N, C-alpha and C. Protein backbone atom coordinates (compact mmCIF):
# COMPACT_ATOMS: atom_id res chain seq x y z
N UNK A 1 123.42 97.73 18.20
CA UNK A 1 124.08 98.02 19.46
C UNK A 1 125.57 97.75 19.35
N UNK A 2 126.33 98.46 20.17
CA UNK A 2 127.78 98.28 20.19
C UNK A 2 128.15 97.14 21.13
N UNK A 3 129.46 96.86 21.22
CA UNK A 3 129.92 95.77 22.10
C UNK A 3 129.60 96.04 23.56
N UNK A 4 129.62 97.32 23.97
CA UNK A 4 129.34 97.64 25.37
C UNK A 4 127.85 97.80 25.67
N UNK A 5 126.99 97.54 24.68
CA UNK A 5 125.55 97.58 24.89
C UNK A 5 124.90 98.92 24.59
N UNK A 6 125.69 99.94 24.25
CA UNK A 6 125.10 101.24 23.91
C UNK A 6 124.57 101.22 22.48
N UNK A 7 123.70 102.17 22.20
CA UNK A 7 123.08 102.25 20.88
C UNK A 7 124.05 102.86 19.89
N UNK A 8 124.16 102.26 18.71
CA UNK A 8 125.09 102.79 17.73
C UNK A 8 124.67 102.49 16.30
N UNK A 9 125.26 103.25 15.38
CA UNK A 9 125.01 103.09 13.96
C UNK A 9 126.34 103.13 13.23
N UNK A 10 126.38 102.53 12.04
CA UNK A 10 127.59 102.55 11.23
C UNK A 10 127.50 103.70 10.23
N UNK A 11 128.60 104.47 10.13
CA UNK A 11 128.63 105.56 9.17
C UNK A 11 128.60 104.99 7.75
N UNK A 12 127.80 105.61 6.90
CA UNK A 12 127.69 105.18 5.51
C UNK A 12 126.73 104.04 5.26
N UNK A 13 126.17 103.45 6.30
CA UNK A 13 125.24 102.33 6.15
C UNK A 13 123.81 102.80 6.39
N UNK A 14 122.88 102.30 5.59
CA UNK A 14 121.47 102.63 5.77
C UNK A 14 120.95 101.91 7.01
N UNK A 15 120.31 102.66 7.88
CA UNK A 15 119.72 102.11 9.11
C UNK A 15 118.21 102.23 9.04
N UNK A 16 117.53 101.25 9.58
CA UNK A 16 116.06 101.26 9.59
C UNK A 16 115.58 101.46 11.02
N UNK A 17 114.68 102.40 11.18
CA UNK A 17 114.08 102.69 12.47
C UNK A 17 112.60 102.35 12.39
N UNK A 18 112.12 101.53 13.30
CA UNK A 18 110.69 101.20 13.36
C UNK A 18 110.00 102.16 14.31
N UNK A 19 108.93 102.75 13.84
CA UNK A 19 108.18 103.73 14.62
C UNK A 19 106.81 103.15 14.93
N UNK A 20 106.52 103.02 16.19
CA UNK A 20 105.22 102.52 16.61
C UNK A 20 104.38 103.66 17.18
N UNK A 21 103.18 103.82 16.68
CA UNK A 21 102.28 104.88 17.13
C UNK A 21 101.03 104.21 17.67
N UNK A 22 100.78 104.37 18.97
CA UNK A 22 99.60 103.79 19.61
C UNK A 22 98.60 104.90 19.90
N UNK A 23 97.40 104.76 19.36
CA UNK A 23 96.34 105.73 19.58
C UNK A 23 95.50 105.25 20.76
N UNK A 24 95.69 105.89 21.90
CA UNK A 24 94.92 105.52 23.09
C UNK A 24 93.71 106.43 23.28
N UNK A 25 93.47 107.31 22.31
CA UNK A 25 92.34 108.24 22.39
C UNK A 25 91.07 107.68 21.79
N UNK A 26 90.07 108.55 21.67
CA UNK A 26 88.76 108.14 21.17
C UNK A 26 88.56 108.51 19.70
N UNK A 27 89.52 109.25 19.11
CA UNK A 27 89.38 109.70 17.72
C UNK A 27 90.58 109.21 16.90
N UNK A 28 90.37 109.02 15.61
CA UNK A 28 91.49 108.58 14.77
C UNK A 28 92.53 109.69 14.55
N UNK A 29 93.77 109.28 14.34
CA UNK A 29 94.86 110.19 14.03
C UNK A 29 95.50 109.76 12.73
N UNK A 30 95.83 110.75 11.91
CA UNK A 30 96.53 110.53 10.64
C UNK A 30 98.02 110.69 10.90
N UNK A 31 98.79 109.64 10.73
CA UNK A 31 100.24 109.73 10.89
C UNK A 31 100.80 110.21 9.56
N UNK A 32 101.35 111.42 9.57
CA UNK A 32 101.79 112.07 8.34
C UNK A 32 103.19 111.63 7.95
N UNK A 33 104.12 111.61 8.90
CA UNK A 33 105.48 111.21 8.58
C UNK A 33 106.43 111.42 9.72
N UNK A 34 107.72 111.35 9.40
CA UNK A 34 108.76 111.50 10.41
C UNK A 34 110.00 112.08 9.75
N UNK A 35 110.84 112.64 10.59
CA UNK A 35 112.14 113.12 10.14
C UNK A 35 113.09 113.05 11.32
N UNK A 36 114.39 113.20 11.04
CA UNK A 36 115.37 113.12 12.11
C UNK A 36 116.56 113.99 11.82
N UNK A 37 117.49 113.98 12.74
CA UNK A 37 118.70 114.76 12.58
C UNK A 37 119.79 114.29 13.52
N UNK A 38 121.01 114.62 13.14
CA UNK A 38 122.18 114.27 13.92
C UNK A 38 122.84 115.56 14.35
N UNK A 39 123.26 115.64 15.61
CA UNK A 39 123.87 116.87 16.10
C UNK A 39 125.08 116.54 16.96
N UNK A 40 125.93 117.55 17.14
CA UNK A 40 127.10 117.43 17.99
C UNK A 40 126.61 117.18 19.41
N UNK A 41 127.09 116.12 20.06
CA UNK A 41 126.49 115.69 21.33
C UNK A 41 126.67 116.68 22.48
N UNK A 42 127.63 117.61 22.38
CA UNK A 42 127.81 118.57 23.46
C UNK A 42 127.08 119.88 23.23
N UNK A 43 126.51 120.04 22.03
CA UNK A 43 125.79 121.27 21.71
C UNK A 43 124.67 120.94 20.73
N UNK A 44 123.47 120.82 21.23
CA UNK A 44 122.34 120.42 20.38
C UNK A 44 121.97 121.49 19.36
N UNK A 45 122.48 122.71 19.53
CA UNK A 45 122.20 123.77 18.56
C UNK A 45 123.05 123.64 17.30
N UNK A 46 124.05 122.79 17.33
CA UNK A 46 124.96 122.61 16.20
C UNK A 46 124.57 121.34 15.45
N UNK A 47 123.75 121.50 14.42
CA UNK A 47 123.28 120.35 13.64
C UNK A 47 124.35 119.91 12.65
N UNK A 48 124.58 118.62 12.57
CA UNK A 48 125.53 118.06 11.62
C UNK A 48 124.82 117.54 10.37
N UNK A 49 123.69 116.88 10.56
CA UNK A 49 122.93 116.33 9.44
C UNK A 49 121.45 116.43 9.75
N UNK A 50 120.68 116.77 8.72
CA UNK A 50 119.23 116.70 8.80
C UNK A 50 118.80 115.59 7.85
N UNK A 51 118.10 114.62 8.37
CA UNK A 51 117.64 113.50 7.55
C UNK A 51 116.31 113.85 6.90
N UNK A 52 116.12 113.37 5.72
CA UNK A 52 114.95 113.67 4.91
C UNK A 52 113.66 113.24 5.59
N UNK A 53 112.66 114.09 5.53
CA UNK A 53 111.34 113.74 6.04
C UNK A 53 110.73 112.68 5.13
N UNK A 54 110.16 111.67 5.73
CA UNK A 54 109.51 110.60 4.97
C UNK A 54 108.06 110.52 5.40
N UNK A 55 107.19 110.36 4.42
CA UNK A 55 105.76 110.34 4.75
C UNK A 55 105.27 108.91 4.95
N UNK A 56 104.30 108.76 5.85
CA UNK A 56 103.69 107.46 6.12
C UNK A 56 102.25 107.41 5.61
N UNK A 57 101.51 108.47 5.87
CA UNK A 57 100.11 108.58 5.46
C UNK A 57 99.30 107.34 5.81
N UNK A 58 99.30 107.01 7.10
CA UNK A 58 98.45 105.93 7.58
C UNK A 58 97.62 106.46 8.74
N UNK A 59 96.51 105.81 8.99
CA UNK A 59 95.59 106.26 10.03
C UNK A 59 95.58 105.26 11.17
N UNK A 60 95.67 105.80 12.39
CA UNK A 60 95.56 104.97 13.59
C UNK A 60 94.18 105.21 14.19
N UNK A 61 93.34 104.22 14.09
CA UNK A 61 92.01 104.29 14.68
C UNK A 61 92.13 104.23 16.21
N UNK A 62 91.09 104.58 16.92
CA UNK A 62 91.15 104.51 18.39
C UNK A 62 91.55 103.11 18.86
N UNK A 63 92.45 103.09 19.84
CA UNK A 63 92.96 101.86 20.46
C UNK A 63 93.70 100.95 19.46
N UNK A 64 94.28 101.54 18.43
CA UNK A 64 95.02 100.79 17.42
C UNK A 64 96.48 101.24 17.43
N UNK A 65 97.37 100.33 17.07
CA UNK A 65 98.80 100.64 16.94
C UNK A 65 99.20 100.52 15.49
N UNK A 66 99.91 101.53 14.99
CA UNK A 66 100.39 101.55 13.61
C UNK A 66 101.91 101.62 13.66
N UNK A 67 102.57 100.84 12.82
CA UNK A 67 104.03 100.82 12.76
C UNK A 67 104.49 101.28 11.39
N UNK A 68 105.50 102.12 11.38
CA UNK A 68 106.09 102.59 10.12
C UNK A 68 107.59 102.43 10.16
N UNK A 69 108.22 102.49 8.99
CA UNK A 69 109.66 102.37 8.88
C UNK A 69 110.25 103.69 8.42
N UNK A 70 111.36 104.07 9.04
CA UNK A 70 112.07 105.28 8.67
C UNK A 70 113.52 104.88 8.40
N UNK A 71 114.01 105.21 7.20
CA UNK A 71 115.36 104.87 6.81
C UNK A 71 116.24 106.12 6.81
N UNK A 72 117.45 105.99 7.30
CA UNK A 72 118.40 107.10 7.27
C UNK A 72 119.80 106.52 7.15
N UNK A 73 120.74 107.38 6.75
CA UNK A 73 122.12 106.94 6.57
C UNK A 73 123.07 108.01 7.09
N UNK A 74 123.78 107.73 8.19
CA UNK A 74 124.80 108.68 8.64
C UNK A 74 125.89 108.82 7.57
N UNK A 75 126.40 110.01 7.40
CA UNK A 75 127.38 110.29 6.35
C UNK A 75 128.60 109.37 6.49
N UNK A 76 129.12 108.86 5.37
CA UNK A 76 130.25 107.93 5.44
C UNK A 76 131.52 108.53 6.04
N UNK A 77 131.68 109.85 6.00
CA UNK A 77 132.91 110.46 6.50
C UNK A 77 132.79 110.95 7.94
N UNK A 78 131.72 110.58 8.63
CA UNK A 78 131.61 110.94 10.05
C UNK A 78 132.68 110.19 10.84
N UNK A 79 133.33 110.91 11.73
CA UNK A 79 134.33 110.30 12.61
C UNK A 79 133.64 109.40 13.62
N UNK A 80 134.34 108.35 14.04
CA UNK A 80 133.84 107.52 15.13
C UNK A 80 133.67 108.39 16.37
N UNK A 81 132.60 108.18 17.10
CA UNK A 81 132.40 108.93 18.33
C UNK A 81 130.94 109.02 18.72
N UNK A 82 130.71 109.81 19.75
CA UNK A 82 129.35 109.98 20.26
C UNK A 82 128.71 111.21 19.61
N UNK A 83 127.44 111.04 19.21
CA UNK A 83 126.65 112.10 18.60
C UNK A 83 125.26 112.06 19.21
N UNK A 84 124.57 113.17 19.13
CA UNK A 84 123.16 113.19 19.51
C UNK A 84 122.32 112.95 18.28
N UNK A 85 121.25 112.23 18.44
CA UNK A 85 120.35 111.96 17.31
C UNK A 85 118.91 112.09 17.81
N UNK A 86 118.05 112.64 16.96
CA UNK A 86 116.65 112.79 17.35
C UNK A 86 115.76 112.42 16.16
N UNK A 87 114.55 112.03 16.47
CA UNK A 87 113.54 111.75 15.45
C UNK A 87 112.21 112.32 15.92
N UNK A 88 111.47 112.92 14.99
CA UNK A 88 110.16 113.51 15.27
C UNK A 88 109.11 112.83 14.42
N UNK A 89 107.92 112.70 14.98
CA UNK A 89 106.77 112.18 14.24
C UNK A 89 105.78 113.33 14.04
N UNK A 90 105.16 113.35 12.89
CA UNK A 90 104.14 114.36 12.56
C UNK A 90 102.82 113.64 12.36
N UNK A 91 101.79 114.15 13.01
CA UNK A 91 100.46 113.54 12.88
C UNK A 91 99.41 114.62 13.05
N UNK A 92 98.18 114.28 12.67
CA UNK A 92 97.08 115.25 12.78
C UNK A 92 95.82 114.51 13.24
N UNK A 93 94.91 115.29 13.82
CA UNK A 93 93.65 114.68 14.27
C UNK A 93 92.55 114.90 13.23
N UNK A 94 91.36 114.45 13.54
CA UNK A 94 90.25 114.53 12.58
C UNK A 94 89.75 115.97 12.42
N UNK A 95 90.17 116.90 13.28
CA UNK A 95 89.79 118.30 13.16
C UNK A 95 90.81 119.12 12.36
N UNK A 96 91.84 118.46 11.89
CA UNK A 96 92.86 119.14 11.09
C UNK A 96 93.97 119.79 11.90
N UNK A 97 94.01 119.55 13.21
CA UNK A 97 95.09 120.10 14.04
C UNK A 97 96.34 119.23 13.87
N UNK A 98 97.47 119.90 13.67
CA UNK A 98 98.73 119.21 13.46
C UNK A 98 99.52 119.10 14.77
N UNK A 99 100.22 117.98 14.92
CA UNK A 99 101.01 117.72 16.12
C UNK A 99 102.40 117.22 15.70
N UNK A 100 103.36 117.50 16.57
CA UNK A 100 104.72 117.00 16.40
C UNK A 100 105.19 116.45 17.74
N UNK A 101 105.78 115.27 17.70
CA UNK A 101 106.32 114.67 18.92
C UNK A 101 107.72 114.16 18.65
N UNK A 102 108.64 114.50 19.54
CA UNK A 102 109.98 113.92 19.48
C UNK A 102 109.88 112.57 20.19
N UNK A 103 110.09 111.50 19.45
CA UNK A 103 109.95 110.18 20.06
C UNK A 103 111.29 109.53 20.35
N UNK A 104 112.38 110.14 19.88
CA UNK A 104 113.70 109.60 20.19
C UNK A 104 114.68 110.76 20.23
N UNK A 105 115.41 110.89 21.33
CA UNK A 105 116.42 111.94 21.49
C UNK A 105 117.48 111.38 22.43
N UNK A 106 118.53 110.80 21.86
CA UNK A 106 119.54 110.09 22.64
C UNK A 106 120.93 110.38 22.12
N UNK A 107 121.92 110.05 22.93
CA UNK A 107 123.31 110.05 22.48
C UNK A 107 123.61 108.65 21.95
N UNK A 108 124.17 108.60 20.76
CA UNK A 108 124.47 107.31 20.12
C UNK A 108 125.94 107.28 19.70
N UNK A 109 126.40 106.11 19.43
CA UNK A 109 127.77 105.90 18.97
C UNK A 109 127.74 105.70 17.45
N UNK A 110 128.51 106.52 16.73
CA UNK A 110 128.68 106.32 15.29
C UNK A 110 130.00 105.58 15.11
N UNK A 111 129.94 104.44 14.43
CA UNK A 111 131.11 103.59 14.26
C UNK A 111 131.45 103.45 12.79
N UNK A 112 132.73 103.24 12.53
CA UNK A 112 133.17 102.98 11.17
C UNK A 112 133.00 101.50 10.89
N UNK A 113 132.45 101.19 9.74
CA UNK A 113 132.25 99.80 9.36
C UNK A 113 133.60 99.16 9.07
N UNK A 114 133.88 98.07 9.72
CA UNK A 114 135.15 97.37 9.52
C UNK A 114 135.12 96.65 8.17
N UNK A 115 136.21 96.81 7.42
CA UNK A 115 136.28 96.12 6.13
C UNK A 115 137.69 95.61 5.90
N UNK A 116 137.85 94.72 4.95
CA UNK A 116 139.16 94.18 4.60
C UNK A 116 140.00 95.21 3.86
N UNK A 117 139.37 96.15 3.21
CA UNK A 117 140.05 97.18 2.43
C UNK A 117 140.30 98.39 3.32
N UNK A 118 141.57 98.59 3.68
CA UNK A 118 141.93 99.71 4.55
C UNK A 118 142.89 100.62 3.78
N UNK A 119 142.42 101.78 3.41
CA UNK A 119 143.19 102.71 2.59
C UNK A 119 144.47 103.15 3.29
N UNK A 120 144.41 103.37 4.58
CA UNK A 120 145.60 103.80 5.31
C UNK A 120 146.69 102.73 5.27
N UNK A 121 146.31 101.48 5.40
CA UNK A 121 147.28 100.40 5.35
C UNK A 121 147.89 100.26 3.96
N UNK A 122 147.10 100.47 2.92
CA UNK A 122 147.62 100.42 1.55
C UNK A 122 148.66 101.52 1.33
N UNK A 123 148.39 102.73 1.83
CA UNK A 123 149.37 103.82 1.71
C UNK A 123 150.65 103.52 2.50
N UNK A 124 150.52 102.90 3.65
CA UNK A 124 151.71 102.55 4.44
C UNK A 124 152.58 101.55 3.68
N UNK A 125 151.96 100.50 3.11
CA UNK A 125 152.72 99.52 2.34
C UNK A 125 153.33 100.15 1.10
N UNK A 126 152.60 101.05 0.46
CA UNK A 126 153.12 101.75 -0.72
C UNK A 126 154.33 102.60 -0.36
N UNK A 127 154.27 103.28 0.79
CA UNK A 127 155.39 104.10 1.24
C UNK A 127 156.60 103.23 1.56
N UNK A 128 156.40 102.10 2.22
CA UNK A 128 157.51 101.18 2.51
C UNK A 128 158.13 100.64 1.23
N UNK A 129 157.32 100.30 0.25
CA UNK A 129 157.82 99.81 -1.03
C UNK A 129 158.63 100.90 -1.73
N UNK A 130 158.13 102.14 -1.72
CA UNK A 130 158.84 103.25 -2.36
C UNK A 130 160.17 103.52 -1.66
N UNK A 131 160.20 103.47 -0.33
CA UNK A 131 161.45 103.67 0.40
C UNK A 131 162.45 102.56 0.09
N UNK A 132 161.98 101.32 0.04
CA UNK A 132 162.85 100.19 -0.32
C UNK A 132 163.42 100.36 -1.71
N UNK A 133 162.59 100.76 -2.66
CA UNK A 133 163.06 100.97 -4.03
C UNK A 133 164.07 102.11 -4.08
N UNK A 134 163.85 103.16 -3.32
CA UNK A 134 164.79 104.29 -3.28
C UNK A 134 166.13 103.87 -2.68
N UNK A 135 166.10 103.07 -1.64
CA UNK A 135 167.35 102.58 -1.03
C UNK A 135 168.11 101.69 -2.00
N UNK A 136 167.39 100.78 -2.68
CA UNK A 136 168.05 99.93 -3.69
C UNK A 136 168.64 100.77 -4.82
N UNK A 137 167.92 101.77 -5.26
CA UNK A 137 168.42 102.66 -6.31
C UNK A 137 169.69 103.36 -5.85
N UNK A 138 169.70 103.83 -4.60
CA UNK A 138 170.89 104.50 -4.05
C UNK A 138 172.08 103.57 -3.96
N UNK A 139 171.83 102.33 -3.53
CA UNK A 139 172.92 101.34 -3.44
C UNK A 139 173.50 101.05 -4.82
N UNK A 140 172.64 100.81 -5.82
CA UNK A 140 173.13 100.52 -7.17
C UNK A 140 173.85 101.73 -7.77
N UNK A 141 173.38 102.91 -7.49
CA UNK A 141 174.03 104.13 -7.99
C UNK A 141 175.41 104.28 -7.34
N UNK A 142 175.50 104.02 -6.03
CA UNK A 142 176.77 104.12 -5.31
C UNK A 142 177.75 103.06 -5.82
N UNK A 143 177.28 101.81 -5.97
CA UNK A 143 178.16 100.76 -6.48
C UNK A 143 178.60 101.04 -7.91
N UNK A 144 177.71 101.62 -8.71
CA UNK A 144 178.04 101.95 -10.09
C UNK A 144 179.08 103.03 -10.16
N UNK A 145 179.13 103.98 -9.22
CA UNK A 145 180.13 105.03 -9.24
C UNK A 145 181.48 104.52 -8.78
N UNK A 146 181.53 103.45 -7.98
CA UNK A 146 182.80 102.86 -7.55
C UNK A 146 183.48 102.10 -8.67
N UNK A 147 182.71 101.40 -9.49
CA UNK A 147 183.28 100.59 -10.57
C UNK A 147 183.49 101.38 -11.84
N UNK A 148 182.89 102.46 -11.96
CA UNK A 148 182.89 103.15 -13.22
C UNK A 148 183.72 104.34 -13.27
């Protein structure tokens, strides 16, 4: 979660999603797997990332709850901001019928992981150093032309 309490993920970091499947029916269900995706939050038709489908292959007996883990990683170069994210579960019944359920479809905050190494700051210091060296070179060149 972010500082303001909204749901968020860090770009470039692996995130773990716990998926709970409760079978309230009378027959067992085979939980096949899950997959997810990230989309532009103002247009769900514009997909930015499709996360790999991961298989679970576990069975939920009647009145049983099964939990699985799904790992995904938002791309490291995603800009900070709001995105839509969804996850689907795939399961089948004992008759071989397949089902798909979207169990998460929300707007989330993608944040940049704060680190001590900031490339932009290094370039700024490098530019200041280069400008200082250029000014010193100009001063020495000017003084050298006066004496010489």
